[in-house]
Structures are given as structure tokens and as C-alpha cells.
Amino acid sequence: MKNNPNAVWEVYDLTTDLGEQNNLAAQHPEFIPQFEAIVKREHRPSHLQEWEFVDPKFEVKK
């Protein structure tokens, strides 16, 4: 996310796919709005500009 804020969510079943080889996001699109809501709700702004890439309040250096 830091390198590509527009990256799509990936979903893995880590009980059977520890190597994250099988992205299940297409089979479970209902998870994506839930993930977005969690990130929006739980995000706390960073005091370090380089770490602030979720809804930044200032211009992020690239």
C-alpha cells in the first residue's frame, strides 16, 4: 500500500496457503468493503511523514 496506494486488496487463506500463492479476493468480494471500513476506522495518523500513506493530511514524499 505504501508503494502503490491504488493497489487492490489481496485475500489469502493462511491456514492452507502460507506462501500466499492463491489470491482469493475475486471469490470473496464481500470482504473488500469490510477491509476498507476497518482501515478507515482504525487508522491513526503517523507523526512520521514517510509512514503516512493512508489518507495523508500532507503531501507524501515519493
N, C-alpha and C. Protein backbone atom coordinates (compact mmCIF):
# COMPACT_ATOMS: atom_id res chain seq x y z
N MET A 1 0.82 -1.19 0.00
CA MET A 1 0.00 0.00 0.00
C MET A 1 0.86 1.26 0.00
N LYS A 2 1.96 1.21 0.71
CA LYS A 2 2.83 2.38 0.74
C LYS A 2 3.39 2.66 -0.65
N ASN A 3 3.80 1.62 -1.35
CA ASN A 3 4.38 1.81 -2.68
C ASN A 3 3.33 2.08 -3.74
N ASN A 4 2.10 1.58 -3.55
CA ASN A 4 1.03 1.77 -4.52
C ASN A 4 -0.29 1.93 -3.79
N PRO A 5 -0.67 3.17 -3.46
CA PRO A 5 -1.91 3.39 -2.72
C PRO A 5 -3.16 2.92 -3.46
N ASN A 6 -3.05 2.71 -4.76
CA ASN A 6 -4.20 2.26 -5.56
C ASN A 6 -4.21 0.74 -5.76
N ALA A 7 -3.33 0.05 -5.08
CA ALA A 7 -3.27 -1.41 -5.21
C ALA A 7 -4.57 -2.03 -4.71
N VAL A 8 -4.96 -3.11 -5.35
CA VAL A 8 -6.17 -3.81 -4.94
C VAL A 8 -5.87 -4.71 -3.74
N TRP A 9 -6.91 -5.00 -2.97
CA TRP A 9 -6.77 -5.89 -1.83
C TRP A 9 -6.49 -7.31 -2.31
N GLU A 10 -5.70 -8.01 -1.55
CA GLU A 10 -5.45 -9.43 -1.78
C GLU A 10 -5.93 -10.19 -0.55
N VAL A 11 -6.49 -11.37 -0.78
CA VAL A 11 -7.05 -12.18 0.31
C VAL A 11 -6.45 -13.58 0.22
N TYR A 12 -5.88 -14.05 1.32
CA TYR A 12 -5.27 -15.38 1.35
C TYR A 12 -5.79 -16.16 2.54
N ASP A 13 -5.93 -17.45 2.37
CA ASP A 13 -6.28 -18.35 3.47
C ASP A 13 -4.97 -18.88 4.04
N LEU A 14 -4.49 -18.24 5.07
CA LEU A 14 -3.18 -18.59 5.61
C LEU A 14 -3.17 -19.92 6.35
N THR A 15 -4.33 -20.51 6.57
CA THR A 15 -4.34 -21.85 7.17
C THR A 15 -3.91 -22.90 6.16
N THR A 16 -4.07 -22.60 4.87
CA THR A 16 -3.71 -23.57 3.83
C THR A 16 -2.74 -23.00 2.81
N ASP A 17 -2.45 -21.71 2.85
CA ASP A 17 -1.63 -21.06 1.82
C ASP A 17 -0.65 -20.09 2.46
N LEU A 18 0.30 -20.62 3.23
CA LEU A 18 1.27 -19.77 3.92
C LEU A 18 2.14 -18.98 2.97
N GLY A 19 2.34 -19.47 1.77
CA GLY A 19 3.16 -18.78 0.78
C GLY A 19 2.41 -17.71 0.01
N GLU A 20 1.14 -17.50 0.34
CA GLU A 20 0.30 -16.51 -0.33
C GLU A 20 0.38 -16.64 -1.85
N GLN A 21 0.09 -17.83 -2.33
CA GLN A 21 0.13 -18.12 -3.76
C GLN A 21 -1.23 -18.03 -4.44
N ASN A 22 -2.32 -18.14 -3.67
CA ASN A 22 -3.67 -18.21 -4.23
C ASN A 22 -4.52 -17.05 -3.69
N ASN A 23 -4.58 -15.96 -4.46
CA ASN A 23 -5.34 -14.78 -4.05
C ASN A 23 -6.83 -15.08 -4.20
N LEU A 24 -7.57 -15.02 -3.10
CA LEU A 24 -8.99 -15.36 -3.09
C LEU A 24 -9.90 -14.14 -3.17
N ALA A 25 -9.36 -12.96 -3.43
CA ALA A 25 -10.16 -11.73 -3.43
C ALA A 25 -11.31 -11.80 -4.43
N ALA A 26 -11.09 -12.36 -5.60
CA ALA A 26 -12.16 -12.43 -6.61
C ALA A 26 -13.30 -13.33 -6.16
N GLN A 27 -12.99 -14.36 -5.38
CA GLN A 27 -14.03 -15.27 -4.89
C GLN A 27 -14.77 -14.70 -3.68
N HIS A 28 -14.20 -13.68 -3.04
CA HIS A 28 -14.80 -13.11 -1.83
C HIS A 28 -14.82 -11.59 -1.89
N PRO A 29 -15.50 -11.01 -2.87
CA PRO A 29 -15.52 -9.54 -2.98
C PRO A 29 -16.22 -8.86 -1.80
N GLU A 30 -17.01 -9.61 -1.05
CA GLU A 30 -17.71 -9.03 0.10
C GLU A 30 -16.73 -8.61 1.20
N PHE A 31 -15.50 -9.14 1.19
CA PHE A 31 -14.51 -8.77 2.20
C PHE A 31 -13.95 -7.37 1.98
N ILE A 32 -13.88 -6.93 0.73
CA ILE A 32 -13.19 -5.69 0.41
C ILE A 32 -13.81 -4.47 1.10
N PRO A 33 -15.12 -4.26 1.04
CA PRO A 33 -15.67 -3.12 1.78
C PRO A 33 -15.44 -3.22 3.28
N GLN A 34 -15.42 -4.44 3.79
CA GLN A 34 -15.14 -4.63 5.22
C GLN A 34 -13.71 -4.20 5.55
N PHE A 35 -12.76 -4.58 4.69
CA PHE A 35 -11.37 -4.19 4.91
C PHE A 35 -11.22 -2.67 4.85
N GLU A 36 -11.87 -2.05 3.86
CA GLU A 36 -11.80 -0.60 3.71
C GLU A 36 -12.35 0.09 4.96
N ALA A 37 -13.45 -0.41 5.48
CA ALA A 37 -14.06 0.18 6.68
C ALA A 37 -13.14 0.03 7.88
N ILE A 38 -12.49 -1.12 8.02
CA ILE A 38 -11.57 -1.34 9.14
C ILE A 38 -10.39 -0.38 9.05
N VAL A 39 -9.80 -0.25 7.87
CA VAL A 39 -8.66 0.66 7.70
C VAL A 39 -9.07 2.09 8.02
N LYS A 40 -10.21 2.51 7.51
CA LYS A 40 -10.68 3.88 7.76
C LYS A 40 -10.95 4.11 9.24
N ARG A 41 -11.55 3.13 9.90
CA ARG A 41 -11.91 3.26 11.32
C ARG A 41 -10.68 3.19 12.23
N GLU A 42 -9.75 2.31 11.94
CA GLU A 42 -8.63 2.03 12.85
C GLU A 42 -7.37 2.84 12.57
N HIS A 43 -7.31 3.50 11.43
CA HIS A 43 -6.10 4.26 11.09
C HIS A 43 -5.85 5.40 12.07
N ARG A 44 -4.62 5.52 12.49
CA ARG A 44 -4.18 6.64 13.32
C ARG A 44 -3.06 7.34 12.55
N PRO A 45 -3.16 8.65 12.37
CA PRO A 45 -2.11 9.37 11.65
C PRO A 45 -0.74 9.17 12.30
N SER A 46 0.26 9.09 11.47
CA SER A 46 1.63 8.93 11.95
C SER A 46 2.27 10.29 12.16
N HIS A 47 3.18 10.37 13.10
CA HIS A 47 3.94 11.61 13.28
C HIS A 47 5.14 11.64 12.33
N LEU A 48 5.38 10.51 11.64
CA LEU A 48 6.46 10.44 10.65
C LEU A 48 5.86 10.54 9.26
N GLN A 49 6.22 11.56 8.54
CA GLN A 49 5.63 11.81 7.23
C GLN A 49 5.82 10.61 6.29
N GLU A 50 6.95 9.94 6.35
CA GLU A 50 7.23 8.81 5.46
C GLU A 50 6.29 7.63 5.72
N TRP A 51 5.71 7.55 6.89
CA TRP A 51 4.82 6.44 7.23
C TRP A 51 3.36 6.76 6.98
N GLU A 52 3.05 8.00 6.65
CA GLU A 52 1.67 8.41 6.49
C GLU A 52 1.22 8.24 5.04
N PHE A 53 0.66 7.07 4.74
CA PHE A 53 0.20 6.81 3.38
C PHE A 53 -1.26 6.43 3.32
N VAL A 54 -1.94 6.35 4.45
CA VAL A 54 -3.38 6.12 4.49
C VAL A 54 -4.03 7.46 4.78
N ASP A 55 -4.74 8.01 3.80
CA ASP A 55 -5.43 9.28 3.96
C ASP A 55 -4.49 10.38 4.50
N PRO A 56 -3.37 10.64 3.81
CA PRO A 56 -2.41 11.61 4.32
C PRO A 56 -2.99 13.02 4.40
N LYS A 57 -2.57 13.75 5.42
CA LYS A 57 -3.02 15.13 5.61
C LYS A 57 -1.99 16.11 5.05
N PHE A 58 -0.93 15.60 4.48
CA PHE A 58 0.10 16.42 3.86
C PHE A 58 0.63 15.66 2.66
N GLU A 59 1.40 16.34 1.82
CA GLU A 59 1.94 15.70 0.62
C GLU A 59 2.96 14.65 1.03
N VAL A 60 2.81 13.44 0.52
CA VAL A 60 3.72 12.35 0.84
C VAL A 60 4.89 12.37 -0.12
N LYS A 61 6.12 12.29 0.40
CA LYS A 61 7.32 12.23 -0.44
C LYS A 61 7.35 10.91 -1.17
N LYS A 62 7.80 10.91 -2.40
CA LYS A 62 7.91 9.66 -3.17
C LYS A 62 9.33 9.34 -3.47
